[in-house]
Amino acid sequence: MKATGIVRRIDDLGRVVIPKEIRRTMRIREGDPLEIYTDRDGEVIFKKYSPVGEMLTEAQGYCDTLYKSWGIAVAVCDRDGVIASAGVPKKGIMSERLSAEAEKIMEGRSLYEFTMEAQKIPMGPEGYYVSAMMPILAEGDVIGAFILLKNELKLPTEAEKALIRTAGLYLGRQLEE
């Protein structure tokens, strides 16, 4: 844990303000859920809550299944970064934050597919880019995305787009239940 040197007081309603520079650095937006942890030493820790992270085992299993059965590289991300992947080196993708372009696609709330006229959106290890991306929606909120990755300049096939769309819809549905 790193000290910031910033001190805030709790107001009469029990609220504390997280400074703007910390919110910007940690990509905390208005309305984002935060999980609260405490320990025996009196520390209170706020952590961004990721509903998709709650399904890590299922998301990883879905990625592994698509990679093994179809041979396609895929990833699942929450609003900040990749939480599960298959078919790409994990070291190159798991530590990566989402780009502004990827966030914009998620906010579009529909299937994105790469076209030859579009600018490539790099993601993961060198040479990989987003070929198709389906936002994961739960109870009307965008909470992540299911992504098809390619490392050669090819359009996604109809079958690949259907798989990515289905995966995104399935994970969103699972989070609603």
N, C-alpha and C. Protein backbone atom coordinates (compact mmCIF):
# COMPACT_ATOMS: atom_id res chain seq x y z
N MET A 1 0.85 -1.17 0.00
CA MET A 1 0.00 0.00 0.00
C MET A 1 0.89 1.24 0.00
N LYS A 2 0.48 2.26 -0.75
CA LYS A 2 1.28 3.46 -0.90
C LYS A 2 0.55 4.66 -0.28
N ALA A 3 1.24 5.39 0.56
CA ALA A 3 0.65 6.59 1.17
C ALA A 3 0.63 7.72 0.15
N THR A 4 -0.47 8.49 0.15
CA THR A 4 -0.59 9.60 -0.79
C THR A 4 -0.28 10.93 -0.12
N GLY A 5 -0.37 10.98 1.20
CA GLY A 5 -0.17 12.23 1.91
C GLY A 5 -1.41 13.10 1.94
N ILE A 6 -2.49 12.62 1.40
CA ILE A 6 -3.75 13.36 1.36
C ILE A 6 -4.60 12.94 2.56
N VAL A 7 -5.13 13.93 3.27
CA VAL A 7 -5.97 13.66 4.44
C VAL A 7 -7.34 14.29 4.19
N ARG A 8 -8.39 13.55 4.47
CA ARG A 8 -9.75 14.05 4.32
C ARG A 8 -10.52 13.77 5.61
N ARG A 9 -11.46 14.65 5.94
CA ARG A 9 -12.32 14.45 7.12
C ARG A 9 -13.65 13.85 6.69
N ILE A 10 -14.24 13.10 7.60
CA ILE A 10 -15.56 12.54 7.39
C ILE A 10 -16.58 13.61 7.75
N ASP A 11 -17.59 13.79 6.88
CA ASP A 11 -18.61 14.82 7.18
C ASP A 11 -19.67 14.26 8.13
N ASP A 12 -20.65 15.08 8.45
CA ASP A 12 -21.65 14.69 9.45
C ASP A 12 -22.56 13.56 8.97
N LEU A 13 -22.54 13.24 7.68
CA LEU A 13 -23.31 12.12 7.15
C LEU A 13 -22.45 10.87 6.96
N GLY A 14 -21.20 10.92 7.41
CA GLY A 14 -20.31 9.76 7.32
C GLY A 14 -19.63 9.61 5.98
N ARG A 15 -19.63 10.67 5.17
CA ARG A 15 -19.03 10.61 3.84
C ARG A 15 -17.61 11.14 3.87
N VAL A 16 -16.82 10.62 2.94
CA VAL A 16 -15.46 11.11 2.72
C VAL A 16 -15.29 11.29 1.21
N VAL A 17 -14.62 12.35 0.82
CA VAL A 17 -14.42 12.63 -0.60
C VAL A 17 -13.10 12.02 -1.05
N ILE A 18 -13.16 11.25 -2.14
CA ILE A 18 -11.93 10.73 -2.74
C ILE A 18 -11.44 11.80 -3.70
N PRO A 19 -10.22 12.30 -3.49
CA PRO A 19 -9.72 13.41 -4.32
C PRO A 19 -9.75 13.11 -5.82
N LYS A 20 -9.99 14.17 -6.58
CA LYS A 20 -10.12 14.06 -8.03
C LYS A 20 -8.91 13.39 -8.67
N GLU A 21 -7.70 13.74 -8.23
CA GLU A 21 -6.50 13.16 -8.85
C GLU A 21 -6.41 11.66 -8.61
N ILE A 22 -6.89 11.19 -7.46
CA ILE A 22 -6.88 9.74 -7.20
C ILE A 22 -7.97 9.08 -8.03
N ARG A 23 -9.14 9.69 -8.13
CA ARG A 23 -10.21 9.13 -8.96
C ARG A 23 -9.76 9.02 -10.41
N ARG A 24 -9.08 10.03 -10.89
CA ARG A 24 -8.62 10.02 -12.29
C ARG A 24 -7.56 8.93 -12.48
N THR A 25 -6.59 8.86 -11.60
CA THR A 25 -5.52 7.87 -11.70
C THR A 25 -6.06 6.45 -11.62
N MET A 26 -7.01 6.23 -10.73
CA MET A 26 -7.56 4.89 -10.52
C MET A 26 -8.77 4.59 -11.41
N ARG A 27 -9.11 5.56 -12.27
CA ARG A 27 -10.25 5.43 -13.19
C ARG A 27 -11.55 5.14 -12.45
N ILE A 28 -11.79 5.87 -11.39
CA ILE A 28 -13.03 5.75 -10.64
C ILE A 28 -13.96 6.85 -11.14
N ARG A 29 -15.11 6.42 -11.67
CA ARG A 29 -16.07 7.37 -12.21
C ARG A 29 -17.28 7.48 -11.27
N GLU A 30 -18.01 8.55 -11.42
CA GLU A 30 -19.23 8.72 -10.65
C GLU A 30 -20.14 7.53 -10.88
N GLY A 31 -20.65 6.96 -9.81
CA GLY A 31 -21.53 5.81 -9.90
C GLY A 31 -20.83 4.47 -9.85
N ASP A 32 -19.48 4.45 -9.93
CA ASP A 32 -18.75 3.18 -9.86
C ASP A 32 -18.91 2.57 -8.47
N PRO A 33 -19.13 1.27 -8.38
CA PRO A 33 -19.22 0.63 -7.07
C PRO A 33 -17.83 0.42 -6.47
N LEU A 34 -17.72 0.66 -5.17
CA LEU A 34 -16.48 0.43 -4.44
C LEU A 34 -16.75 -0.58 -3.33
N GLU A 35 -15.84 -1.51 -3.17
CA GLU A 35 -15.95 -2.50 -2.11
C GLU A 35 -15.11 -2.00 -0.94
N ILE A 36 -15.60 -2.18 0.28
CA ILE A 36 -14.91 -1.67 1.46
C ILE A 36 -14.37 -2.84 2.27
N TYR A 37 -13.07 -2.77 2.56
CA TYR A 37 -12.40 -3.78 3.37
C TYR A 37 -11.88 -3.11 4.64
N THR A 38 -11.81 -3.87 5.72
CA THR A 38 -11.19 -3.38 6.95
C THR A 38 -10.24 -4.46 7.46
N ASP A 39 -9.30 -4.05 8.28
CA ASP A 39 -8.45 -5.04 8.93
C ASP A 39 -8.33 -4.72 10.41
N ARG A 40 -7.65 -5.57 11.14
CA ARG A 40 -7.54 -5.43 12.59
C ARG A 40 -6.73 -4.22 13.03
N ASP A 41 -5.91 -3.69 12.12
CA ASP A 41 -5.08 -2.53 12.45
C ASP A 41 -5.84 -1.22 12.28
N GLY A 42 -7.11 -1.28 11.93
CA GLY A 42 -7.91 -0.08 11.77
C GLY A 42 -7.87 0.50 10.37
N GLU A 43 -7.30 -0.22 9.43
CA GLU A 43 -7.25 0.29 8.06
C GLU A 43 -8.59 0.06 7.37
N VAL A 44 -9.00 1.04 6.59
CA VAL A 44 -10.19 0.94 5.75
C VAL A 44 -9.69 1.08 4.31
N ILE A 45 -10.01 0.10 3.49
CA ILE A 45 -9.51 0.07 2.12
C ILE A 45 -10.70 0.06 1.16
N PHE A 46 -10.70 0.98 0.21
CA PHE A 46 -11.70 1.02 -0.84
C PHE A 46 -11.10 0.38 -2.08
N LYS A 47 -11.82 -0.57 -2.67
CA LYS A 47 -11.35 -1.24 -3.87
C LYS A 47 -12.47 -1.18 -4.90
N LYS A 48 -12.10 -0.88 -6.14
CA LYS A 48 -13.12 -0.88 -7.19
C LYS A 48 -13.72 -2.27 -7.28
N TYR A 49 -15.05 -2.30 -7.33
CA TYR A 49 -15.75 -3.57 -7.42
C TYR A 49 -16.00 -3.90 -8.88
N SER A 50 -15.68 -5.12 -9.27
CA SER A 50 -15.89 -5.57 -10.64
C SER A 50 -16.85 -6.75 -10.64
N PRO A 51 -18.09 -6.54 -11.09
CA PRO A 51 -19.02 -7.67 -11.17
C PRO A 51 -18.48 -8.79 -12.06
N VAL A 52 -17.79 -8.43 -13.13
CA VAL A 52 -17.23 -9.45 -14.03
C VAL A 52 -16.15 -10.24 -13.28
N GLY A 53 -15.40 -9.58 -12.41
CA GLY A 53 -14.38 -10.26 -11.61
C GLY A 53 -14.96 -11.34 -10.73
N GLU A 54 -16.24 -11.19 -10.36
CA GLU A 54 -16.93 -12.21 -9.55
C GLU A 54 -17.10 -13.50 -10.35
N MET A 55 -17.06 -13.39 -11.67
CA MET A 55 -17.24 -14.55 -12.54
C MET A 55 -15.93 -14.99 -13.17
N LEU A 56 -14.83 -14.73 -12.52
CA LEU A 56 -13.52 -15.00 -13.10
C LEU A 56 -13.38 -16.44 -13.58
N THR A 57 -13.79 -17.41 -12.76
CA THR A 57 -13.65 -18.81 -13.13
C THR A 57 -14.48 -19.13 -14.37
N GLU A 58 -15.70 -18.64 -14.42
CA GLU A 58 -16.57 -18.89 -15.56
C GLU A 58 -16.05 -18.18 -16.82
N ALA A 59 -15.58 -16.94 -16.66
CA ALA A 59 -15.04 -16.19 -17.80
C ALA A 59 -13.81 -16.88 -18.37
N GLN A 60 -12.92 -17.35 -17.48
CA GLN A 60 -11.71 -18.03 -17.94
C GLN A 60 -12.08 -19.34 -18.63
N GLY A 61 -13.05 -20.05 -18.08
CA GLY A 61 -13.50 -21.29 -18.70
C GLY A 61 -14.08 -21.07 -20.08
N TYR A 62 -14.84 -20.01 -20.25
CA TYR A 62 -15.42 -19.67 -21.55
C TYR A 62 -14.30 -19.36 -22.55
N CYS A 63 -13.32 -18.57 -22.12
CA CYS A 63 -12.18 -18.25 -22.98
C CYS A 63 -11.44 -19.52 -23.40
N ASP A 64 -11.13 -20.37 -22.42
CA ASP A 64 -10.41 -21.62 -22.72
C ASP A 64 -11.18 -22.49 -23.70
N THR A 65 -12.49 -22.59 -23.51
CA THR A 65 -13.32 -23.42 -24.39
C THR A 65 -13.31 -22.90 -25.82
N LEU A 66 -13.47 -21.58 -25.99
CA LEU A 66 -13.45 -21.01 -27.35
C LEU A 66 -12.09 -21.21 -28.01
N TYR A 67 -11.02 -21.05 -27.22
CA TYR A 67 -9.69 -21.22 -27.80
C TYR A 67 -9.46 -22.69 -28.20
N LYS A 68 -9.83 -23.61 -27.33
CA LYS A 68 -9.59 -25.04 -27.62
C LYS A 68 -10.47 -25.55 -28.75
N SER A 69 -11.72 -25.11 -28.80
CA SER A 69 -12.63 -25.64 -29.82
C SER A 69 -12.57 -24.89 -31.15
N TRP A 70 -12.28 -23.60 -31.13
CA TRP A 70 -12.28 -22.81 -32.36
C TRP A 70 -10.89 -22.28 -32.75
N GLY A 71 -9.94 -22.35 -31.81
CA GLY A 71 -8.58 -21.86 -32.10
C GLY A 71 -8.50 -20.34 -32.21
N ILE A 72 -9.42 -19.64 -31.56
CA ILE A 72 -9.40 -18.18 -31.62
C ILE A 72 -8.92 -17.59 -30.30
N ALA A 73 -8.17 -16.49 -30.39
CA ALA A 73 -7.68 -15.80 -29.20
C ALA A 73 -8.78 -14.87 -28.70
N VAL A 74 -9.10 -14.99 -27.42
CA VAL A 74 -10.19 -14.21 -26.84
C VAL A 74 -9.78 -13.68 -25.47
N ALA A 75 -10.52 -12.66 -25.03
CA ALA A 75 -10.28 -12.08 -23.71
C ALA A 75 -11.59 -11.55 -23.16
N VAL A 76 -11.68 -11.49 -21.84
CA VAL A 76 -12.81 -10.88 -21.15
C VAL A 76 -12.23 -9.75 -20.31
N CYS A 77 -12.87 -8.58 -20.38
CA CYS A 77 -12.39 -7.45 -19.58
C CYS A 77 -13.54 -6.87 -18.75
N ASP A 78 -13.16 -6.21 -17.66
CA ASP A 78 -14.14 -5.41 -16.94
C ASP A 78 -13.97 -3.99 -17.45
N ARG A 79 -14.40 -2.99 -16.72
CA ARG A 79 -14.32 -1.61 -17.22
C ARG A 79 -12.88 -1.07 -17.26
N ASP A 80 -11.95 -1.77 -16.61
CA ASP A 80 -10.59 -1.27 -16.52
C ASP A 80 -9.56 -2.06 -17.32
N GLY A 81 -9.66 -3.37 -17.30
CA GLY A 81 -8.65 -4.17 -17.96
C GLY A 81 -9.07 -5.61 -18.12
N VAL A 82 -8.20 -6.40 -18.73
CA VAL A 82 -8.46 -7.80 -19.02
C VAL A 82 -8.40 -8.62 -17.73
N ILE A 83 -9.40 -9.49 -17.54
CA ILE A 83 -9.42 -10.34 -16.35
C ILE A 83 -9.26 -11.82 -16.70
N ALA A 84 -9.50 -12.18 -17.97
CA ALA A 84 -9.35 -13.57 -18.41
C ALA A 84 -9.01 -13.57 -19.90
N SER A 85 -8.23 -14.56 -20.32
CA SER A 85 -7.88 -14.65 -21.74
C SER A 85 -7.42 -16.06 -22.08
N ALA A 86 -7.40 -16.36 -23.37
CA ALA A 86 -6.87 -17.62 -23.88
C ALA A 86 -6.39 -17.38 -25.31
N GLY A 87 -5.29 -18.04 -25.67
CA GLY A 87 -4.76 -17.91 -27.02
C GLY A 87 -3.76 -16.80 -27.22
N VAL A 88 -3.52 -16.00 -26.18
CA VAL A 88 -2.51 -14.94 -26.21
C VAL A 88 -1.68 -15.06 -24.94
N PRO A 89 -0.40 -14.66 -25.00
CA PRO A 89 0.41 -14.72 -23.79
C PRO A 89 -0.20 -13.87 -22.67
N LYS A 90 -0.47 -14.48 -21.53
CA LYS A 90 -1.13 -13.77 -20.42
C LYS A 90 -0.29 -12.60 -19.92
N LYS A 91 1.03 -12.76 -19.96
CA LYS A 91 1.90 -11.68 -19.47
C LYS A 91 1.68 -10.40 -20.25
N GLY A 92 1.42 -10.51 -21.52
CA GLY A 92 1.28 -9.32 -22.36
C GLY A 92 -0.09 -8.68 -22.32
N ILE A 93 -1.09 -9.40 -21.81
CA ILE A 93 -2.44 -8.84 -21.88
C ILE A 93 -3.05 -8.59 -20.51
N MET A 94 -2.72 -9.38 -19.52
CA MET A 94 -3.39 -9.28 -18.22
C MET A 94 -3.04 -8.00 -17.46
N SER A 95 -1.91 -7.42 -17.74
CA SER A 95 -1.50 -6.22 -17.01
C SER A 95 -1.93 -4.94 -17.74
N GLU A 96 -2.60 -5.09 -18.86
CA GLU A 96 -2.91 -3.94 -19.71
C GLU A 96 -4.23 -3.28 -19.33
N ARG A 97 -4.21 -1.96 -19.28
CA ARG A 97 -5.44 -1.19 -19.08
C ARG A 97 -6.13 -1.02 -20.43
N LEU A 98 -7.43 -0.84 -20.39
CA LEU A 98 -8.17 -0.65 -21.63
C LEU A 98 -7.86 0.70 -22.23
N SER A 99 -7.80 0.75 -23.54
CA SER A 99 -7.56 2.01 -24.24
C SER A 99 -8.85 2.82 -24.29
N ALA A 100 -8.72 4.09 -24.59
CA ALA A 100 -9.90 4.96 -24.73
C ALA A 100 -10.80 4.45 -25.86
N GLU A 101 -10.19 3.93 -26.93
CA GLU A 101 -10.98 3.40 -28.04
C GLU A 101 -11.82 2.20 -27.61
N ALA A 102 -11.22 1.30 -26.81
CA ALA A 102 -11.95 0.13 -26.33
C ALA A 102 -13.09 0.55 -25.40
N GLU A 103 -12.84 1.54 -24.54
CA GLU A 103 -13.89 2.05 -23.66
C GLU A 103 -15.04 2.63 -24.48
N LYS A 104 -14.72 3.34 -25.55
CA LYS A 104 -15.74 3.94 -26.40
C LYS A 104 -16.60 2.86 -27.06
N ILE A 105 -15.96 1.78 -27.49
CA ILE A 105 -16.70 0.66 -28.09
C ILE A 105 -17.67 0.08 -27.07
N MET A 106 -17.20 -0.12 -25.84
CA MET A 106 -18.08 -0.67 -24.80
C MET A 106 -19.28 0.23 -24.58
N GLU A 107 -19.05 1.53 -24.54
CA GLU A 107 -20.15 2.47 -24.32
C GLU A 107 -21.15 2.45 -25.47
N GLY A 108 -20.73 1.98 -26.65
CA GLY A 108 -21.63 1.87 -27.79
C GLY A 108 -22.69 0.79 -27.61
N ARG A 109 -22.45 -0.14 -26.68
CA ARG A 109 -23.43 -1.17 -26.29
C ARG A 109 -23.84 -2.13 -27.39
N SER A 110 -23.03 -2.25 -28.44
CA SER A 110 -23.36 -3.22 -29.48
C SER A 110 -22.07 -3.83 -30.02
N LEU A 111 -22.23 -4.88 -30.80
CA LEU A 111 -21.07 -5.59 -31.33
C LEU A 111 -20.24 -4.68 -32.23
N TYR A 112 -18.93 -4.66 -31.95
CA TYR A 112 -17.98 -3.93 -32.80
C TYR A 112 -17.26 -4.97 -33.63
N GLU A 113 -17.06 -4.67 -34.91
CA GLU A 113 -16.23 -5.54 -35.73
C GLU A 113 -15.22 -4.69 -36.51
N PHE A 114 -14.00 -5.17 -36.56
CA PHE A 114 -12.95 -4.49 -37.31
C PHE A 114 -13.28 -4.54 -38.79
N THR A 115 -13.03 -3.42 -39.48
CA THR A 115 -13.14 -3.36 -40.93
C THR A 115 -11.81 -2.85 -41.46
N MET A 116 -11.56 -3.08 -42.71
CA MET A 116 -10.29 -2.64 -43.30
C MET A 116 -10.17 -1.12 -43.31
N GLU A 117 -11.30 -0.42 -43.25
CA GLU A 117 -11.28 1.04 -43.24
C GLU A 117 -11.02 1.59 -41.83
N ALA A 118 -11.28 0.77 -40.82
CA ALA A 118 -11.13 1.22 -39.43
C ALA A 118 -9.67 1.20 -39.00
N GLN A 119 -9.39 2.02 -38.02
CA GLN A 119 -8.05 2.01 -37.44
C GLN A 119 -7.96 0.83 -36.47
N LYS A 120 -6.87 0.08 -36.53
CA LYS A 120 -6.71 -1.06 -35.62
C LYS A 120 -6.62 -0.57 -34.18
N ILE A 121 -7.23 -1.32 -33.27
CA ILE A 121 -7.15 -1.02 -31.85
C ILE A 121 -6.21 -2.06 -31.24
N PRO A 122 -4.96 -1.68 -30.96
CA PRO A 122 -4.01 -2.65 -30.41
C PRO A 122 -4.44 -3.10 -29.01
N MET A 123 -4.17 -4.38 -28.72
CA MET A 123 -4.47 -4.90 -27.40
C MET A 123 -3.63 -6.14 -27.17
N GLY A 124 -3.05 -6.22 -25.99
CA GLY A 124 -2.28 -7.39 -25.64
C GLY A 124 -0.86 -7.31 -26.18
N PRO A 125 -0.26 -8.48 -26.40
CA PRO A 125 1.12 -8.53 -26.87
C PRO A 125 1.27 -7.85 -28.23
N GLU A 126 2.47 -7.51 -28.56
CA GLU A 126 2.79 -6.83 -29.82
C GLU A 126 2.13 -7.53 -31.00
N GLY A 127 1.42 -6.76 -31.81
CA GLY A 127 0.81 -7.29 -33.02
C GLY A 127 -0.64 -7.68 -32.90
N TYR A 128 -1.15 -7.86 -31.71
CA TYR A 128 -2.56 -8.24 -31.54
C TYR A 128 -3.44 -6.99 -31.57
N TYR A 129 -4.65 -7.16 -32.10
CA TYR A 129 -5.60 -6.06 -32.15
C TYR A 129 -7.01 -6.61 -31.93
N VAL A 130 -7.94 -5.72 -31.64
CA VAL A 130 -9.33 -6.09 -31.43
C VAL A 130 -9.97 -6.35 -32.78
N SER A 131 -10.44 -7.58 -33.00
CA SER A 131 -11.11 -7.93 -34.24
C SER A 131 -12.62 -7.81 -34.08
N ALA A 132 -13.11 -8.17 -32.91
CA ALA A 132 -14.54 -8.01 -32.58
C ALA A 132 -14.66 -7.84 -31.08
N MET A 133 -15.64 -7.06 -30.65
CA MET A 133 -15.84 -6.83 -29.22
C MET A 133 -17.33 -6.70 -28.94
N MET A 134 -17.80 -7.46 -27.95
CA MET A 134 -19.20 -7.39 -27.54
C MET A 134 -19.26 -6.92 -26.09
N PRO A 135 -19.86 -5.76 -25.85
CA PRO A 135 -20.01 -5.29 -24.47
C PRO A 135 -20.85 -6.27 -23.65
N ILE A 136 -20.49 -6.42 -22.39
CA ILE A 136 -21.26 -7.23 -21.45
C ILE A 136 -22.15 -6.28 -20.68
N LEU A 137 -23.46 -6.48 -20.82
CA LEU A 137 -24.44 -5.63 -20.15
C LEU A 137 -25.16 -6.43 -19.08
N ALA A 138 -25.30 -5.83 -17.90
CA ALA A 138 -26.05 -6.46 -16.82
C ALA A 138 -26.93 -5.39 -16.20
N GLU A 139 -28.23 -5.65 -16.18
CA GLU A 139 -29.21 -4.72 -15.64
C GLU A 139 -29.06 -3.32 -16.25
N GLY A 140 -28.76 -3.28 -17.54
CA GLY A 140 -28.68 -2.02 -18.26
C GLY A 140 -27.34 -1.31 -18.19
N ASP A 141 -26.42 -1.83 -17.38
CA ASP A 141 -25.10 -1.19 -17.24
C ASP A 141 -24.04 -1.94 -18.01
N VAL A 142 -23.12 -1.20 -18.64
CA VAL A 142 -21.97 -1.81 -19.29
C VAL A 142 -20.97 -2.16 -18.19
N ILE A 143 -20.64 -3.44 -18.08
CA ILE A 143 -19.72 -3.85 -17.01
C ILE A 143 -18.44 -4.48 -17.53
N GLY A 144 -18.35 -4.66 -18.83
CA GLY A 144 -17.16 -5.26 -19.41
C GLY A 144 -17.38 -5.58 -20.87
N ALA A 145 -16.54 -6.46 -21.40
CA ALA A 145 -16.66 -6.85 -22.81
C ALA A 145 -16.00 -8.19 -23.05
N PHE A 146 -16.48 -8.89 -24.07
CA PHE A 146 -15.85 -10.12 -24.56
C PHE A 146 -15.19 -9.75 -25.87
N ILE A 147 -13.91 -10.11 -26.03
CA ILE A 147 -13.11 -9.60 -27.14
C ILE A 147 -12.48 -10.73 -27.96
N LEU A 148 -12.56 -10.62 -29.27
CA LEU A 148 -11.84 -11.50 -30.20
C LEU A 148 -10.58 -10.76 -30.61
N LEU A 149 -9.43 -11.42 -30.44
CA LEU A 149 -8.14 -10.80 -30.78
C LEU A 149 -7.52 -11.52 -31.97
N LYS A 150 -6.87 -10.75 -32.82
CA LYS A 150 -6.15 -11.35 -33.95
C LYS A 150 -4.77 -10.70 -34.05
N ASN A 151 -3.84 -11.43 -34.63
CA ASN A 151 -2.49 -10.88 -34.82
C ASN A 151 -2.12 -10.80 -36.29
N GLU A 152 -3.11 -10.97 -37.15
CA GLU A 152 -2.90 -10.76 -38.57
C GLU A 152 -4.11 -10.02 -39.11
N LEU A 153 -3.90 -9.25 -40.13
CA LEU A 153 -4.94 -8.37 -40.65
C LEU A 153 -6.00 -9.17 -41.41
N LYS A 154 -7.02 -9.62 -40.66
CA LYS A 154 -8.14 -10.37 -41.23
C LYS A 154 -9.42 -9.87 -40.60
N LEU A 155 -10.48 -9.85 -41.38
CA LEU A 155 -11.78 -9.49 -40.85
C LEU A 155 -12.33 -10.65 -40.03
N PRO A 156 -13.13 -10.35 -39.01
CA PRO A 156 -13.76 -11.45 -38.27
C PRO A 156 -14.78 -12.16 -39.15
N THR A 157 -14.85 -13.47 -39.03
CA THR A 157 -15.83 -14.23 -39.81
C THR A 157 -17.20 -14.10 -39.14
N GLU A 158 -18.24 -14.47 -39.87
CA GLU A 158 -19.60 -14.44 -39.31
C GLU A 158 -19.69 -15.35 -38.09
N ALA A 159 -19.05 -16.51 -38.16
CA ALA A 159 -19.07 -17.44 -37.03
C ALA A 159 -18.37 -16.83 -35.81
N GLU A 160 -17.22 -16.19 -36.02
CA GLU A 160 -16.50 -15.56 -34.91
C GLU A 160 -17.33 -14.45 -34.27
N LYS A 161 -17.97 -13.63 -35.10
CA LYS A 161 -18.81 -12.56 -34.57
C LYS A 161 -19.98 -13.14 -33.76
N ALA A 162 -20.56 -14.23 -34.25
CA ALA A 162 -21.67 -14.86 -33.52
C ALA A 162 -21.18 -15.42 -32.19
N LEU A 163 -20.00 -16.01 -32.17
CA LEU A 163 -19.44 -16.54 -30.92
C LEU A 163 -19.19 -15.43 -29.90
N ILE A 164 -18.61 -14.33 -30.35
CA ILE A 164 -18.31 -13.22 -29.44
C ILE A 164 -19.59 -12.58 -28.93
N ARG A 165 -20.55 -12.39 -29.81
CA ARG A 165 -21.85 -11.82 -29.41
C ARG A 165 -22.52 -12.73 -28.37
N THR A 166 -22.53 -14.03 -28.64
CA THR A 166 -23.14 -14.99 -27.72
C THR A 166 -22.43 -14.99 -26.37
N ALA A 167 -21.12 -14.96 -26.39
CA ALA A 167 -20.35 -14.97 -25.14
C ALA A 167 -20.65 -13.74 -24.30
N GLY A 168 -20.69 -12.57 -24.93
CA GLY A 168 -20.99 -11.34 -24.20
C GLY A 168 -22.39 -11.35 -23.61
N LEU A 169 -23.36 -11.81 -24.41
CA LEU A 169 -24.74 -11.89 -23.92
C LEU A 169 -24.87 -12.90 -22.79
N TYR A 170 -24.19 -14.03 -22.93
CA TYR A 170 -24.25 -15.08 -21.91
C TYR A 170 -23.68 -14.58 -20.57
N LEU A 171 -22.51 -13.98 -20.60
CA LEU A 171 -21.91 -13.50 -19.35
C LEU A 171 -22.77 -12.42 -18.69
N GLY A 172 -23.34 -11.53 -19.50
CA GLY A 172 -24.23 -10.51 -18.96
C GLY A 172 -25.45 -11.13 -18.30
N ARG A 173 -25.99 -12.14 -18.93
CA ARG A 173 -27.17 -12.83 -18.39
C ARG A 173 -26.83 -13.53 -17.08
N GLN A 174 -25.65 -14.14 -17.02
CA GLN A 174 -25.24 -14.83 -15.80
C GLN A 174 -25.10 -13.85 -14.62
N LEU A 175 -24.65 -12.66 -14.91
CA LEU A 175 -24.49 -11.65 -13.85
C LEU A 175 -25.84 -11.13 -13.35
N GLU A 176 -26.85 -11.19 -14.18
CA GLU A 176 -28.17 -10.72 -13.78
C GLU A 176 -28.89 -11.71 -12.89
N GLU A 177 -28.49 -12.98 -12.95
CA GLU A 177 -29.19 -14.01 -12.17
C GLU A 177 -28.71 -14.09 -10.75
